[in-house]
């Protein structure tokens, strides 16, 4: 947890210093996709976020935190000091839950090309075992399913917010024997652990929502 002052506001950001030898699959605005990542950043920004260059903004925050090499950056209007963490047999999930702007993914409203308002449920998961490319993508789907289950269990009538993001971090299979775990669906060994960890972290955070 790091603090910064921006435009007269006291804000915080969470940092995972993974180091070399990790791969991340994410929908992050900075460093999204699948590839080697040495750090993950989840930065709090003000509600009504005024900037139109979030990737550059996140890069500035990362540089100020002395983060070097490739990384992934998320942002949220939620108070990141209220983050929640859950673990399940080696899998760790951290969530920041800002659910002021929420709804259902399949809605009749027309989509827009511009960036939505940042409310955001951000989820960062770390696993101790390498995952194949397919399993990394599968893990994102599993984490999303577990998030929706947690929101419903918290009594919220929604599947999330328009800006939710996920990061799945696992050791690079090229640095380990074998191709990596082939599956991360909710009934696979590691997918089940991931789902339980994400569900617990998001349920705790969502249950605090007004």
Foldseek 3Di string as FASTA:
>chain_A
DAWDADPNDIWDKDKDQQAWQKWKAKPFPALHHIDTARMEMETADAFVHDDQCVNVVQVVVCVVVVNDDHHGYHYANARCVPKFWFFFPQKIKIKGAFPPAFAEPDDPDDDDPGDDTGREIEMEMEHAWFEAPQQNVQLVVLLLVLLQVLLVVLVHHGSGHPRYMYMYMYGQCVVDPDRIDHHQHCPDPNVVRSSVGSNVRNNVNNNPDD
